[in-house]
Amino acid sequence: DIPDAASRALSLRWLIDPDTSGERLESALEEFVKAYEEWIEKQHATLSGFEESFQEVGKRLIKRQEKAVLRMRSGIKCLVSDQAVLKAFRVAQEAMLRQFLWSDRWETPLPLGEGKVDEVDPWSVEVEAKPHWRPFQLAYQLLVLESIARADSRDRDTLDLLWFPTGGGKTEAYLAVAAFEITYRRMQYGESGAGTAVIMRYTLRLLTAQQFERAAVLIS
């Protein structure tokens, strides 16, 4: 359950809104992480009721959750303290919003005309089901943001695995991270930041074709 103070951070429109100041963004994201922290506390309470043979496994998982909290807070700090990171983050969020709207992945039909990218204005398109991140998608972005933006990050060599059911939204989560990396590289290094920034690999031909289309929409 996400409290109202944190739920606004799940809205892509709110994240890219010029009226959303760094202070408001930081506050909402901190509330978001705090909600996760409170959930972890509940896991502590639940663990006490487990059989002793499961206690060590549970403690190990909770320790990883607590580390995730620290990494997400590092991501927030990096985001609000560095204007280049913040700008790249917002450009990535807008790219994802346009990708959502153009791909018509939401239930409400959109007046997209012939379906051209430049016809999709995220501020003028009226949709009832406004694109929102699922909590794990936003958490994943905050988790990896600092290690992407900072070459000297101690989490730079950490491999983060998204484990979620098919259709749960894994692709959108890592496409947002890819959009941030592509944007930030170009902002930091100009023309030398062009070229291959992300490698995507799939094991099935059909899946490769489908994911290529979604990545192409994002980059367009």
N, C-alpha and C. Protein backbone atom coordinates (compact mmCIF):
# COMPACT_ATOMS: atom_id res chain seq x y z
N ASP A 1 0.85 -1.19 0.00
CA ASP A 1 0.00 0.00 0.00
C ASP A 1 0.88 1.25 0.00
N ILE A 2 0.59 2.15 -0.92
CA ILE A 2 1.38 3.38 -1.05
C ILE A 2 0.58 4.55 -0.50
N PRO A 3 1.09 5.29 0.48
CA PRO A 3 0.36 6.44 1.02
C PRO A 3 0.22 7.55 -0.01
N ASP A 4 -0.77 8.40 0.20
CA ASP A 4 -1.04 9.48 -0.76
C ASP A 4 0.18 10.37 -0.99
N ALA A 5 0.93 10.63 0.06
CA ALA A 5 2.09 11.52 -0.06
C ALA A 5 3.15 10.96 -1.00
N ALA A 6 3.15 9.63 -1.17
CA ALA A 6 4.14 8.98 -2.03
C ALA A 6 3.57 8.59 -3.38
N SER A 7 2.26 8.40 -3.47
CA SER A 7 1.66 7.87 -4.70
C SER A 7 1.82 8.81 -5.89
N ARG A 8 1.94 10.11 -5.64
CA ARG A 8 2.12 11.05 -6.75
C ARG A 8 3.41 10.78 -7.51
N ALA A 9 4.40 10.22 -6.83
CA ALA A 9 5.68 9.93 -7.49
C ALA A 9 5.55 8.81 -8.51
N LEU A 10 4.43 8.08 -8.49
CA LEU A 10 4.22 7.01 -9.46
C LEU A 10 3.66 7.54 -10.77
N SER A 11 3.21 8.79 -10.78
CA SER A 11 2.64 9.39 -11.99
C SER A 11 3.73 9.93 -12.90
N LEU A 12 3.78 9.44 -14.13
CA LEU A 12 4.80 9.92 -15.06
C LEU A 12 4.61 11.39 -15.38
N ARG A 13 3.37 11.83 -15.49
CA ARG A 13 3.12 13.24 -15.78
C ARG A 13 3.63 14.12 -14.63
N TRP A 14 3.41 13.68 -13.40
CA TRP A 14 3.86 14.46 -12.25
C TRP A 14 5.39 14.52 -12.21
N LEU A 15 6.04 13.44 -12.56
CA LEU A 15 7.50 13.40 -12.52
C LEU A 15 8.13 14.36 -13.51
N ILE A 16 7.49 14.59 -14.66
CA ILE A 16 8.08 15.46 -15.67
C ILE A 16 7.50 16.88 -15.65
N ASP A 17 6.52 17.11 -14.79
CA ASP A 17 5.89 18.42 -14.71
C ASP A 17 6.90 19.47 -14.24
N PRO A 18 7.05 20.57 -14.98
CA PRO A 18 7.99 21.63 -14.56
C PRO A 18 7.65 22.20 -13.18
N ASP A 19 6.39 22.10 -12.78
CA ASP A 19 5.99 22.62 -11.47
C ASP A 19 6.39 21.68 -10.32
N THR A 20 6.83 20.48 -10.67
CA THR A 20 7.30 19.56 -9.64
C THR A 20 8.75 19.91 -9.31
N SER A 21 8.93 20.67 -8.25
CA SER A 21 10.26 21.12 -7.87
C SER A 21 11.09 19.95 -7.34
N GLY A 22 12.38 20.18 -7.24
CA GLY A 22 13.27 19.17 -6.69
C GLY A 22 12.89 18.82 -5.26
N GLU A 23 12.44 19.83 -4.50
CA GLU A 23 12.06 19.59 -3.11
C GLU A 23 10.81 18.70 -3.02
N ARG A 24 9.83 18.99 -3.88
CA ARG A 24 8.60 18.18 -3.88
C ARG A 24 8.90 16.77 -4.36
N LEU A 25 9.76 16.65 -5.35
CA LEU A 25 10.14 15.33 -5.86
C LEU A 25 10.84 14.52 -4.78
N GLU A 26 11.79 15.16 -4.10
CA GLU A 26 12.52 14.48 -3.04
C GLU A 26 11.59 14.03 -1.93
N SER A 27 10.67 14.88 -1.55
CA SER A 27 9.73 14.56 -0.48
C SER A 27 8.88 13.35 -0.84
N ALA A 28 8.33 13.34 -2.06
CA ALA A 28 7.47 12.23 -2.48
C ALA A 28 8.25 10.93 -2.58
N LEU A 29 9.47 11.00 -3.12
CA LEU A 29 10.28 9.80 -3.26
C LEU A 29 10.71 9.26 -1.89
N GLU A 30 11.00 10.16 -0.95
CA GLU A 30 11.35 9.73 0.40
C GLU A 30 10.17 9.03 1.07
N GLU A 31 8.98 9.55 0.85
CA GLU A 31 7.78 8.91 1.40
C GLU A 31 7.58 7.53 0.77
N PHE A 32 7.91 7.44 -0.51
CA PHE A 32 7.81 6.17 -1.23
C PHE A 32 8.74 5.12 -0.61
N VAL A 33 9.99 5.51 -0.37
CA VAL A 33 10.95 4.59 0.22
C VAL A 33 10.57 4.28 1.68
N LYS A 34 10.05 5.27 2.35
CA LYS A 34 9.62 5.06 3.74
C LYS A 34 8.52 4.00 3.81
N ALA A 35 7.62 4.01 2.83
CA ALA A 35 6.56 3.00 2.79
C ALA A 35 7.15 1.60 2.62
N TYR A 36 8.20 1.50 1.82
CA TYR A 36 8.89 0.22 1.64
C TYR A 36 9.56 -0.21 2.95
N GLU A 37 10.13 0.76 3.64
CA GLU A 37 10.79 0.51 4.92
C GLU A 37 9.79 -0.03 5.94
N GLU A 38 8.60 0.54 5.95
CA GLU A 38 7.56 0.09 6.88
C GLU A 38 7.13 -1.33 6.54
N TRP A 39 7.10 -1.65 5.24
CA TRP A 39 6.77 -3.01 4.82
C TRP A 39 7.84 -4.00 5.31
N ILE A 40 9.08 -3.58 5.26
CA ILE A 40 10.18 -4.43 5.73
C ILE A 40 10.02 -4.72 7.22
N GLU A 41 9.59 -3.72 7.98
CA GLU A 41 9.37 -3.92 9.41
C GLU A 41 8.31 -5.00 9.65
N LYS A 42 7.32 -5.03 8.79
CA LYS A 42 6.28 -6.06 8.90
C LYS A 42 6.87 -7.44 8.62
N GLN A 43 7.86 -7.49 7.72
CA GLN A 43 8.51 -8.77 7.42
C GLN A 43 9.28 -9.27 8.64
N HIS A 44 9.87 -8.33 9.38
CA HIS A 44 10.55 -8.71 10.63
C HIS A 44 9.57 -9.39 11.58
N ALA A 45 8.38 -8.81 11.70
CA ALA A 45 7.37 -9.37 12.60
C ALA A 45 6.89 -10.73 12.11
N THR A 46 6.74 -10.84 10.79
CA THR A 46 6.29 -12.11 10.21
C THR A 46 7.32 -13.21 10.42
N LEU A 47 8.59 -12.83 10.32
CA LEU A 47 9.69 -13.80 10.43
C LEU A 47 9.69 -14.53 11.77
N SER A 48 9.29 -13.83 12.80
CA SER A 48 9.32 -14.44 14.13
C SER A 48 8.39 -15.64 14.24
N GLY A 49 7.41 -15.73 13.34
CA GLY A 49 6.48 -16.84 13.37
C GLY A 49 6.90 -18.01 12.51
N PHE A 50 8.05 -17.90 11.84
CA PHE A 50 8.53 -18.98 10.98
C PHE A 50 9.23 -20.07 11.80
N GLU A 51 9.32 -21.25 11.21
CA GLU A 51 10.10 -22.31 11.83
C GLU A 51 11.57 -21.90 11.86
N GLU A 52 12.28 -22.41 12.81
CA GLU A 52 13.68 -22.02 12.99
C GLU A 52 14.53 -22.30 11.75
N SER A 53 14.19 -23.36 11.01
CA SER A 53 14.97 -23.72 9.82
C SER A 53 14.87 -22.67 8.73
N PHE A 54 13.82 -21.85 8.78
CA PHE A 54 13.63 -20.81 7.77
C PHE A 54 14.11 -19.43 8.23
N GLN A 55 14.48 -19.33 9.49
CA GLN A 55 14.85 -18.04 10.06
C GLN A 55 16.04 -17.40 9.34
N GLU A 56 17.09 -18.19 9.09
CA GLU A 56 18.29 -17.64 8.47
C GLU A 56 18.02 -17.14 7.06
N VAL A 57 17.22 -17.90 6.31
CA VAL A 57 16.85 -17.46 4.95
C VAL A 57 16.09 -16.15 5.01
N GLY A 58 15.14 -16.07 5.93
CA GLY A 58 14.36 -14.85 6.07
C GLY A 58 15.21 -13.65 6.46
N LYS A 59 16.14 -13.87 7.38
CA LYS A 59 17.03 -12.78 7.80
C LYS A 59 17.90 -12.30 6.64
N ARG A 60 18.36 -13.25 5.82
CA ARG A 60 19.19 -12.89 4.67
C ARG A 60 18.41 -12.05 3.65
N LEU A 61 17.15 -12.42 3.43
CA LEU A 61 16.32 -11.66 2.49
C LEU A 61 16.02 -10.26 3.02
N ILE A 62 15.74 -10.17 4.30
CA ILE A 62 15.45 -8.86 4.90
C ILE A 62 16.69 -7.98 4.86
N LYS A 63 17.86 -8.56 5.05
CA LYS A 63 19.10 -7.79 4.96
C LYS A 63 19.27 -7.20 3.57
N ARG A 64 18.90 -7.97 2.54
CA ARG A 64 18.98 -7.46 1.17
C ARG A 64 17.97 -6.34 0.95
N GLN A 65 16.80 -6.48 1.55
CA GLN A 65 15.78 -5.43 1.44
C GLN A 65 16.28 -4.13 2.07
N GLU A 66 16.92 -4.27 3.22
CA GLU A 66 17.44 -3.09 3.91
C GLU A 66 18.55 -2.42 3.10
N LYS A 67 19.35 -3.23 2.42
CA LYS A 67 20.38 -2.66 1.54
C LYS A 67 19.74 -1.94 0.36
N ALA A 68 18.63 -2.49 -0.13
CA ALA A 68 17.92 -1.84 -1.24
C ALA A 68 17.42 -0.46 -0.83
N VAL A 69 16.98 -0.34 0.43
CA VAL A 69 16.53 0.97 0.94
C VAL A 69 17.67 1.98 0.87
N LEU A 70 18.86 1.58 1.30
CA LEU A 70 20.01 2.47 1.26
C LEU A 70 20.35 2.88 -0.17
N ARG A 71 20.28 1.93 -1.09
CA ARG A 71 20.59 2.24 -2.49
C ARG A 71 19.54 3.17 -3.10
N MET A 72 18.28 2.96 -2.77
CA MET A 72 17.23 3.84 -3.28
C MET A 72 17.41 5.26 -2.75
N ARG A 73 17.80 5.37 -1.48
CA ARG A 73 18.03 6.70 -0.91
C ARG A 73 19.25 7.36 -1.57
N SER A 74 20.25 6.57 -1.93
CA SER A 74 21.40 7.11 -2.66
C SER A 74 20.95 7.60 -4.03
N GLY A 75 20.03 6.87 -4.65
CA GLY A 75 19.48 7.28 -5.94
C GLY A 75 18.74 8.60 -5.84
N ILE A 76 17.95 8.75 -4.79
CA ILE A 76 17.21 10.00 -4.59
C ILE A 76 18.17 11.16 -4.38
N LYS A 77 19.18 10.95 -3.54
CA LYS A 77 20.16 12.00 -3.26
C LYS A 77 20.89 12.42 -4.54
N CYS A 78 21.27 11.43 -5.33
CA CYS A 78 21.95 11.71 -6.60
C CYS A 78 21.03 12.49 -7.53
N LEU A 79 19.76 12.13 -7.53
CA LEU A 79 18.79 12.74 -8.43
C LEU A 79 18.55 14.21 -8.11
N VAL A 80 18.38 14.53 -6.84
CA VAL A 80 18.00 15.90 -6.47
C VAL A 80 19.21 16.81 -6.26
N SER A 81 20.41 16.25 -6.18
CA SER A 81 21.59 17.07 -5.94
C SER A 81 22.37 17.38 -7.22
N ASP A 82 22.01 16.74 -8.32
CA ASP A 82 22.73 16.93 -9.57
C ASP A 82 21.72 17.28 -10.66
N GLN A 83 21.79 18.51 -11.15
CA GLN A 83 20.81 18.97 -12.15
C GLN A 83 20.88 18.19 -13.45
N ALA A 84 22.07 17.73 -13.81
CA ALA A 84 22.20 16.94 -15.04
C ALA A 84 21.49 15.60 -14.90
N VAL A 85 21.65 14.97 -13.74
CA VAL A 85 20.99 13.70 -13.47
C VAL A 85 19.48 13.90 -13.46
N LEU A 86 19.03 14.97 -12.81
CA LEU A 86 17.60 15.26 -12.74
C LEU A 86 17.02 15.50 -14.13
N LYS A 87 17.72 16.25 -14.95
CA LYS A 87 17.23 16.52 -16.30
C LYS A 87 17.16 15.24 -17.13
N ALA A 88 18.20 14.41 -17.04
CA ALA A 88 18.21 13.15 -17.78
C ALA A 88 17.08 12.25 -17.31
N PHE A 89 16.83 12.24 -16.00
CA PHE A 89 15.75 11.44 -15.44
C PHE A 89 14.40 11.89 -15.99
N ARG A 90 14.19 13.20 -16.06
CA ARG A 90 12.90 13.72 -16.53
C ARG A 90 12.73 13.50 -18.03
N VAL A 91 13.81 13.63 -18.78
CA VAL A 91 13.73 13.33 -20.21
C VAL A 91 13.37 11.86 -20.41
N ALA A 92 13.98 10.99 -19.62
CA ALA A 92 13.68 9.56 -19.71
C ALA A 92 12.23 9.27 -19.35
N GLN A 93 11.72 9.97 -18.32
CA GLN A 93 10.32 9.77 -17.93
C GLN A 93 9.37 10.24 -19.03
N GLU A 94 9.70 11.35 -19.67
CA GLU A 94 8.85 11.83 -20.75
C GLU A 94 8.90 10.89 -21.95
N ALA A 95 10.08 10.36 -22.24
CA ALA A 95 10.20 9.39 -23.34
C ALA A 95 9.35 8.16 -23.06
N MET A 96 9.35 7.71 -21.81
CA MET A 96 8.54 6.55 -21.44
C MET A 96 7.05 6.88 -21.51
N LEU A 97 6.68 8.08 -21.10
CA LEU A 97 5.28 8.48 -21.17
C LEU A 97 4.80 8.49 -22.61
N ARG A 98 5.61 9.06 -23.50
CA ARG A 98 5.24 9.08 -24.92
C ARG A 98 5.18 7.65 -25.48
N GLN A 99 6.09 6.80 -25.02
CA GLN A 99 6.09 5.42 -25.48
C GLN A 99 4.81 4.71 -25.04
N PHE A 100 4.40 4.95 -23.80
CA PHE A 100 3.16 4.36 -23.31
C PHE A 100 1.96 4.82 -24.14
N LEU A 101 1.88 6.12 -24.38
CA LEU A 101 0.74 6.67 -25.08
C LEU A 101 0.71 6.24 -26.55
N TRP A 102 1.87 6.29 -27.19
CA TRP A 102 1.93 5.94 -28.60
C TRP A 102 1.68 4.45 -28.82
N SER A 103 2.18 3.64 -27.92
CA SER A 103 1.99 2.20 -28.05
C SER A 103 0.57 1.78 -27.68
N ASP A 104 -0.18 2.73 -27.11
CA ASP A 104 -1.56 2.46 -26.70
C ASP A 104 -1.60 1.21 -25.81
N ARG A 105 -0.71 1.20 -24.82
CA ARG A 105 -0.65 0.05 -23.92
C ARG A 105 -1.63 0.22 -22.76
N TRP A 106 -2.36 1.35 -22.79
CA TRP A 106 -3.33 1.56 -21.72
C TRP A 106 -4.72 1.28 -22.24
N GLU A 107 -5.65 1.01 -21.37
CA GLU A 107 -6.97 0.54 -21.76
C GLU A 107 -7.79 1.60 -22.47
N THR A 108 -7.61 2.87 -22.12
CA THR A 108 -8.41 3.93 -22.72
C THR A 108 -7.92 4.23 -24.13
N PRO A 109 -8.79 4.17 -25.16
CA PRO A 109 -8.39 4.49 -26.54
C PRO A 109 -7.88 5.92 -26.63
N LEU A 110 -6.86 6.13 -27.44
CA LEU A 110 -6.26 7.45 -27.58
C LEU A 110 -6.47 7.98 -28.98
N PRO A 111 -6.74 9.29 -29.12
CA PRO A 111 -6.92 9.90 -30.44
C PRO A 111 -5.58 10.18 -31.10
N LEU A 112 -4.97 9.15 -31.65
CA LEU A 112 -3.61 9.30 -32.16
C LEU A 112 -3.55 9.54 -33.67
N GLY A 113 -4.70 9.74 -34.32
CA GLY A 113 -4.67 9.98 -35.76
C GLY A 113 -4.04 8.81 -36.49
N GLU A 114 -3.02 9.08 -37.25
CA GLU A 114 -2.34 8.04 -38.00
C GLU A 114 -1.27 7.35 -37.16
N GLY A 115 -1.15 7.74 -35.93
CA GLY A 115 -0.21 7.06 -35.05
C GLY A 115 1.21 7.57 -35.12
N LYS A 116 1.42 8.80 -35.56
CA LYS A 116 2.77 9.34 -35.63
C LYS A 116 3.22 9.80 -34.25
N VAL A 117 4.51 9.62 -33.99
CA VAL A 117 5.03 9.96 -32.68
C VAL A 117 4.79 11.42 -32.34
N ASP A 118 5.00 12.31 -33.31
CA ASP A 118 4.91 13.73 -33.00
C ASP A 118 3.48 14.18 -32.77
N GLU A 119 2.51 13.30 -32.98
CA GLU A 119 1.13 13.65 -32.69
C GLU A 119 0.77 13.39 -31.24
N VAL A 120 1.65 12.72 -30.51
CA VAL A 120 1.35 12.37 -29.13
C VAL A 120 1.95 13.41 -28.20
N ASP A 121 1.10 14.29 -27.68
CA ASP A 121 1.53 15.29 -26.72
C ASP A 121 1.08 14.83 -25.34
N PRO A 122 2.02 14.49 -24.46
CA PRO A 122 1.62 13.96 -23.15
C PRO A 122 0.84 14.94 -22.30
N TRP A 123 0.82 16.23 -22.71
CA TRP A 123 0.08 17.21 -21.92
C TRP A 123 -1.33 17.44 -22.47
N SER A 124 -1.56 17.12 -23.75
CA SER A 124 -2.87 17.38 -24.33
C SER A 124 -3.73 16.14 -24.44
N VAL A 125 -3.12 14.97 -24.46
CA VAL A 125 -3.89 13.74 -24.58
C VAL A 125 -4.65 13.48 -23.29
N GLU A 126 -5.96 13.31 -23.42
CA GLU A 126 -6.78 13.06 -22.25
C GLU A 126 -7.02 11.56 -22.12
N VAL A 127 -6.59 11.01 -21.03
CA VAL A 127 -6.83 9.59 -20.76
C VAL A 127 -7.29 9.43 -19.32
N GLU A 128 -8.23 8.52 -19.12
CA GLU A 128 -8.72 8.28 -17.78
C GLU A 128 -7.67 7.52 -16.96
N ALA A 129 -7.11 6.48 -17.58
CA ALA A 129 -6.08 5.70 -16.89
C ALA A 129 -4.72 6.31 -17.19
N LYS A 130 -4.39 7.38 -16.49
CA LYS A 130 -3.13 8.05 -16.75
C LYS A 130 -1.96 7.11 -16.44
N PRO A 131 -0.95 7.08 -17.29
CA PRO A 131 0.18 6.17 -17.04
C PRO A 131 0.82 6.40 -15.67
N HIS A 132 0.91 5.34 -14.92
CA HIS A 132 1.56 5.35 -13.61
C HIS A 132 2.55 4.19 -13.54
N TRP A 133 3.62 4.41 -12.83
CA TRP A 133 4.53 3.31 -12.55
C TRP A 133 3.92 2.38 -11.53
N ARG A 134 4.21 1.09 -11.65
CA ARG A 134 3.95 0.18 -10.56
C ARG A 134 5.08 0.39 -9.54
N PRO A 135 4.80 0.20 -8.27
CA PRO A 135 5.82 0.48 -7.25
C PRO A 135 7.18 -0.16 -7.52
N PHE A 136 7.20 -1.43 -7.95
CA PHE A 136 8.50 -2.08 -8.15
C PHE A 136 9.26 -1.45 -9.32
N GLN A 137 8.54 -0.89 -10.30
CA GLN A 137 9.21 -0.26 -11.44
C GLN A 137 9.94 1.01 -11.03
N LEU A 138 9.28 1.84 -10.23
CA LEU A 138 9.93 3.05 -9.75
C LEU A 138 11.06 2.70 -8.79
N ALA A 139 10.83 1.70 -7.92
CA ALA A 139 11.86 1.29 -6.97
C ALA A 139 13.11 0.82 -7.70
N TYR A 140 12.92 0.08 -8.78
CA TYR A 140 14.07 -0.43 -9.55
C TYR A 140 14.88 0.73 -10.14
N GLN A 141 14.19 1.75 -10.65
CA GLN A 141 14.90 2.90 -11.21
C GLN A 141 15.72 3.62 -10.14
N LEU A 142 15.13 3.81 -8.98
CA LEU A 142 15.85 4.47 -7.89
C LEU A 142 17.02 3.61 -7.42
N LEU A 143 16.83 2.30 -7.43
CA LEU A 143 17.85 1.37 -6.97
C LEU A 143 19.13 1.47 -7.79
N VAL A 144 19.00 1.59 -9.11
CA VAL A 144 20.17 1.53 -9.98
C VAL A 144 20.67 2.89 -10.43
N LEU A 145 19.91 3.95 -10.14
CA LEU A 145 20.24 5.27 -10.70
C LEU A 145 21.64 5.75 -10.31
N GLU A 146 21.96 5.67 -9.04
CA GLU A 146 23.25 6.21 -8.57
C GLU A 146 24.43 5.45 -9.18
N SER A 147 24.29 4.14 -9.31
CA SER A 147 25.40 3.33 -9.86
C SER A 147 25.56 3.53 -11.36
N ILE A 148 24.53 4.02 -12.04
CA ILE A 148 24.64 4.34 -13.46
C ILE A 148 25.27 5.71 -13.64
N ALA A 149 24.83 6.66 -12.84
CA ALA A 149 25.29 8.05 -13.00
C ALA A 149 26.70 8.29 -12.44
N ARG A 150 27.12 7.47 -11.48
CA ARG A 150 28.41 7.69 -10.83
C ARG A 150 29.37 6.53 -11.14
N ALA A 151 30.41 6.83 -11.89
CA ALA A 151 31.38 5.79 -12.27
C ALA A 151 32.11 5.22 -11.05
N ASP A 152 32.18 6.00 -9.97
CA ASP A 152 32.89 5.54 -8.78
C ASP A 152 31.95 4.93 -7.73
N SER A 153 30.72 4.65 -8.12
CA SER A 153 29.76 4.07 -7.19
C SER A 153 30.22 2.69 -6.72
N ARG A 154 30.05 2.40 -5.44
CA ARG A 154 30.45 1.09 -4.92
C ARG A 154 29.51 -0.02 -5.39
N ASP A 155 28.36 0.38 -5.98
CA ASP A 155 27.43 -0.60 -6.51
C ASP A 155 27.56 -0.77 -8.03
N ARG A 156 28.62 -0.18 -8.57
CA ARG A 156 28.81 -0.19 -10.02
C ARG A 156 28.89 -1.61 -10.59
N ASP A 157 29.46 -2.53 -9.84
CA ASP A 157 29.63 -3.90 -10.32
C ASP A 157 28.52 -4.85 -9.86
N THR A 158 27.49 -4.28 -9.26
CA THR A 158 26.38 -5.11 -8.80
C THR A 158 25.45 -5.46 -9.96
N LEU A 159 25.09 -6.72 -10.08
CA LEU A 159 24.14 -7.16 -11.09
C LEU A 159 22.75 -7.23 -10.45
N ASP A 160 21.84 -6.39 -10.92
CA ASP A 160 20.48 -6.36 -10.37
C ASP A 160 19.55 -7.16 -11.28
N LEU A 161 18.91 -8.16 -10.73
CA LEU A 161 18.04 -9.05 -11.48
C LEU A 161 16.58 -8.72 -11.18
N LEU A 162 15.81 -8.40 -12.25
CA LEU A 162 14.38 -8.19 -12.09
C LEU A 162 13.67 -9.53 -12.25
N TRP A 163 13.02 -9.97 -11.22
CA TRP A 163 12.35 -11.27 -11.22
C TRP A 163 10.87 -11.00 -10.99
N PHE A 164 10.08 -11.13 -12.05
CA PHE A 164 8.67 -10.78 -11.95
C PHE A 164 7.90 -11.58 -12.99
N PRO A 165 6.61 -11.87 -12.77
CA PRO A 165 5.84 -12.67 -13.72
C PRO A 165 5.75 -12.03 -15.10
N THR A 166 5.53 -12.85 -16.11
CA THR A 166 5.35 -12.36 -17.47
C THR A 166 4.16 -11.40 -17.52
N GLY A 167 4.37 -10.26 -18.18
CA GLY A 167 3.32 -9.25 -18.25
C GLY A 167 3.25 -8.36 -17.05
N GLY A 168 4.20 -8.49 -16.13
CA GLY A 168 4.17 -7.70 -14.91
C GLY A 168 4.77 -6.32 -15.03
N GLY A 169 5.53 -6.06 -16.12
CA GLY A 169 6.08 -4.73 -16.33
C GLY A 169 7.59 -4.64 -16.24
N LYS A 170 8.28 -5.77 -16.38
CA LYS A 170 9.75 -5.74 -16.31
C LYS A 170 10.34 -4.91 -17.44
N THR A 171 9.79 -5.08 -18.66
CA THR A 171 10.35 -4.37 -19.82
C THR A 171 10.31 -2.87 -19.63
N GLU A 172 9.18 -2.36 -19.16
CA GLU A 172 9.06 -0.90 -18.96
C GLU A 172 10.08 -0.41 -17.93
N ALA A 173 10.32 -1.22 -16.90
CA ALA A 173 11.26 -0.81 -15.86
C ALA A 173 12.66 -0.66 -16.43
N TYR A 174 13.11 -1.65 -17.21
CA TYR A 174 14.48 -1.54 -17.71
C TYR A 174 14.58 -0.60 -18.91
N LEU A 175 13.47 -0.40 -19.66
CA LEU A 175 13.50 0.59 -20.74
C LEU A 175 13.67 2.00 -20.16
N ALA A 176 13.06 2.25 -19.02
CA ALA A 176 13.22 3.56 -18.37
C ALA A 176 14.67 3.78 -17.97
N VAL A 177 15.30 2.72 -17.45
CA VAL A 177 16.71 2.81 -17.08
C VAL A 177 17.57 3.03 -18.32
N ALA A 178 17.24 2.33 -19.41
CA ALA A 178 17.97 2.49 -20.67
C ALA A 178 17.83 3.92 -21.18
N ALA A 179 16.62 4.47 -21.10
CA ALA A 179 16.38 5.84 -21.56
C ALA A 179 17.22 6.83 -20.75
N PHE A 180 17.31 6.59 -19.45
CA PHE A 180 18.13 7.47 -18.61
C PHE A 180 19.60 7.39 -19.01
N GLU A 181 20.11 6.17 -19.20
CA GLU A 181 21.51 5.98 -19.56
C GLU A 181 21.84 6.65 -20.89
N ILE A 182 20.98 6.45 -21.89
CA ILE A 182 21.20 7.03 -23.22
C ILE A 182 21.23 8.55 -23.13
N THR A 183 20.25 9.11 -22.41
CA THR A 183 20.16 10.57 -22.28
C THR A 183 21.33 11.14 -21.50
N TYR A 184 21.65 10.52 -20.39
CA TYR A 184 22.72 11.04 -19.54
C TYR A 184 24.07 11.01 -20.25
N ARG A 185 24.34 9.93 -20.98
CA ARG A 185 25.60 9.83 -21.73
C ARG A 185 25.73 10.97 -22.74
N ARG A 186 24.66 11.24 -23.47
CA ARG A 186 24.71 12.31 -24.47
C ARG A 186 24.88 13.67 -23.82
N MET A 187 24.23 13.87 -22.68
CA MET A 187 24.35 15.14 -21.97
C MET A 187 25.76 15.34 -21.42
N GLN A 188 26.36 14.27 -20.93
CA GLN A 188 27.67 14.37 -20.31
C GLN A 188 28.81 14.43 -21.33
N TYR A 189 28.68 13.69 -22.42
CA TYR A 189 29.81 13.52 -23.34
C TYR A 189 29.55 14.01 -24.77
N GLY A 190 28.37 14.56 -25.02
CA GLY A 190 28.09 15.09 -26.35
C GLY A 190 28.13 14.00 -27.41
N GLU A 191 28.75 14.31 -28.54
CA GLU A 191 28.80 13.35 -29.65
C GLU A 191 29.54 12.08 -29.29
N SER A 192 30.53 12.18 -28.43
CA SER A 192 31.28 10.99 -28.04
C SER A 192 30.44 10.06 -27.16
N GLY A 193 29.31 10.54 -26.67
CA GLY A 193 28.42 9.72 -25.86
C GLY A 193 27.39 8.98 -26.70
N ALA A 194 27.49 9.13 -28.03
CA ALA A 194 26.57 8.43 -28.93
C ALA A 194 27.04 6.99 -29.11
N GLY A 195 26.35 6.26 -29.95
CA GLY A 195 26.74 4.88 -30.20
C GLY A 195 26.03 3.92 -29.25
N THR A 196 26.60 2.74 -29.08
CA THR A 196 25.96 1.71 -28.26
C THR A 196 26.05 2.06 -26.77
N ALA A 197 24.90 2.17 -26.15
CA ALA A 197 24.85 2.49 -24.72
C ALA A 197 24.27 1.34 -23.91
N VAL A 198 23.41 0.55 -24.54
CA VAL A 198 22.73 -0.55 -23.85
C VAL A 198 22.69 -1.76 -24.78
N ILE A 199 22.94 -2.92 -24.22
CA ILE A 199 22.84 -4.17 -24.98
C ILE A 199 21.64 -4.95 -24.47
N MET A 200 20.74 -5.30 -25.39
CA MET A 200 19.55 -6.08 -25.05
C MET A 200 19.66 -7.43 -25.74
N ARG A 201 19.48 -8.50 -24.99
CA ARG A 201 19.63 -9.84 -25.55
C ARG A 201 18.44 -10.71 -25.15
N TYR A 202 17.89 -11.41 -26.13
CA TYR A 202 16.74 -12.27 -25.87
C TYR A 202 16.98 -13.65 -26.47
N THR A 203 16.27 -14.63 -25.94
CA THR A 203 16.50 -16.01 -26.35
C THR A 203 15.51 -16.52 -27.40
N LEU A 204 14.46 -15.76 -27.67
CA LEU A 204 13.45 -16.18 -28.64
C LEU A 204 13.32 -15.13 -29.74
N ARG A 205 13.18 -15.57 -30.99
CA ARG A 205 13.09 -14.64 -32.12
C ARG A 205 11.89 -13.71 -32.00
N LEU A 206 10.73 -14.28 -31.69
CA LEU A 206 9.52 -13.46 -31.60
C LEU A 206 9.66 -12.43 -30.50
N LEU A 207 10.18 -12.84 -29.36
CA LEU A 207 10.38 -11.90 -28.25
C LEU A 207 11.37 -10.81 -28.65
N THR A 208 12.41 -11.18 -29.37
CA THR A 208 13.39 -10.19 -29.84
C THR A 208 12.72 -9.15 -30.71
N ALA A 209 11.86 -9.61 -31.63
CA ALA A 209 11.16 -8.69 -32.54
C ALA A 209 10.23 -7.77 -31.76
N GLN A 210 9.50 -8.33 -30.81
CA GLN A 210 8.56 -7.53 -30.03
C GLN A 210 9.28 -6.48 -29.20
N GLN A 211 10.35 -6.88 -28.55
CA GLN A 211 11.08 -5.95 -27.70
C GLN A 211 11.81 -4.90 -28.53
N PHE A 212 12.25 -5.29 -29.72
CA PHE A 212 12.87 -4.31 -30.62
C PHE A 212 11.88 -3.21 -30.96
N GLU A 213 10.63 -3.59 -31.23
CA GLU A 213 9.61 -2.59 -31.55
C GLU A 213 9.40 -1.62 -30.38
N ARG A 214 9.35 -2.16 -29.18
CA ARG A 214 9.11 -1.32 -28.03
C ARG A 214 10.29 -0.41 -27.76
N ALA A 215 11.50 -0.90 -27.95
CA ALA A 215 12.69 -0.06 -27.79
C ALA A 215 12.73 1.02 -28.87
N ALA A 216 12.33 0.66 -30.09
CA ALA A 216 12.32 1.62 -31.20
C ALA A 216 11.34 2.76 -30.93
N VAL A 217 10.17 2.42 -30.35
CA VAL A 217 9.19 3.44 -30.01
C VAL A 217 9.77 4.40 -28.97
N LEU A 218 10.44 3.85 -27.98
CA LEU A 218 11.06 4.68 -26.94
C LEU A 218 12.08 5.64 -27.53
N ILE A 219 12.98 5.12 -28.36
CA ILE A 219 14.06 5.94 -28.91
C ILE A 219 13.49 6.98 -29.89
N SER A 220 12.43 6.63 -30.60
CA SER A 220 11.81 7.58 -31.53
C SER A 220 11.28 8.79 -30.81
